[in-house]
């Protein structure tokens, strides 16, 4: 195995590239940013390396002599490793973006893709920004989660909200936030909602989590509206909750308790959730809209009933899925979909929120196409309340 640097106690970065000069360039760049880099040339060396170590970042070439880097993605997922992936390849951007989408589908985290010859400044930016992505808990530990553990975590207050700001794309003004639940386990680290929400849905705990998130997020929104009364709060609604016909009254009660206007709350539901039990969903969502609560269709375009959902249910907003937004510049098909969705929304007088905006080029193109609101790492990652306070300024009541 080729080692360009000795791995120490600093976070590790693994470069998988069959060009020795390229490995050295990446390793030296990583060292400048405080990483302990290591480099390998082949797929087999990379697998052996990953069996005993868990890197913070993997910089992966898609072409490894007579093999391809795609094979390594499956091994990373199978081994239970959770690095941030940066693709580095001489293939065109369309192929690199396809590889990135595959990695995400495998449950891996992707910071971005780079072409060859390498643009060093872009690499330094990607490596430098990668630690902003919060590490997830180890997959092996997560597999052992039980309903009792989640119940006790709720009792101890370990399930907390982060808040990702939504921005007006033209003026860059904060217009609201999306509340994102995280389980902060002292033993296992930070556990994402994709791991504990299905557990809660299967074992009757989802209502507790929904009420917990609503209370946390509306408490903060009331404070932040002292800075700007126009701010709103988006909260994800589980498909299971769409079977509870008392939900509109319960949400009304929570809004009154916090002194927040119904129009300041937006409930996000997925297309699949509303079509699974149309009658119940239509009942609940229509009553919520009558009461003044906003309803948004989340991840629009990824389901099988998008247009039917818009026609039959009282949505006032749709969120363009980040897979389309991230491909806006380099994926012609994604660009066509985004353009079509924006045109459709305008014709139906629907507000649009674009998710996953990660660079200025995407933001500029969305603005050209008429998108008004967006969120993503270009503006801010999900933030704790103190960070939001600082962003909004001194008018926030502590």
Foldseek 3Di string as FASTA:
>chain_A
DAWPFDADPWAEEEEEAQDPVVQNLLQVLVVVLGHGYTYDQALVVVLVVVLVDAHQEYEYEQDRPPHGPLVVLVSCLVSQHAHEYEYEYQDDPVVVLVSVVVSVVSVYHYLYYAYPPGDSVVSSVSSNCSPVDFDAFGPVVLVPDAPVVVVVLVVVVQWDWFWFFKAFLPVRHTQETETFIWGQDPVTGIHHCVRCVVNCLVPVNNVVVQVVSLLRRLLLVLLLCLLPVRYAYEYEDDLSCLQDLCVLVVVVVSCVVSVHQQQRYEYEYEPVSCVVPVVSNQNNQVSSVVSNHAYEHECQPPDDCRVVCPVRHDHQEYEHHQSLLVCCPPPVVSVVVLLVVLVVCVVVNHQYEYEADDDPVSSVVCVVSPHTMYTHVVSHDGHDSVVVDVVSDDSRDD
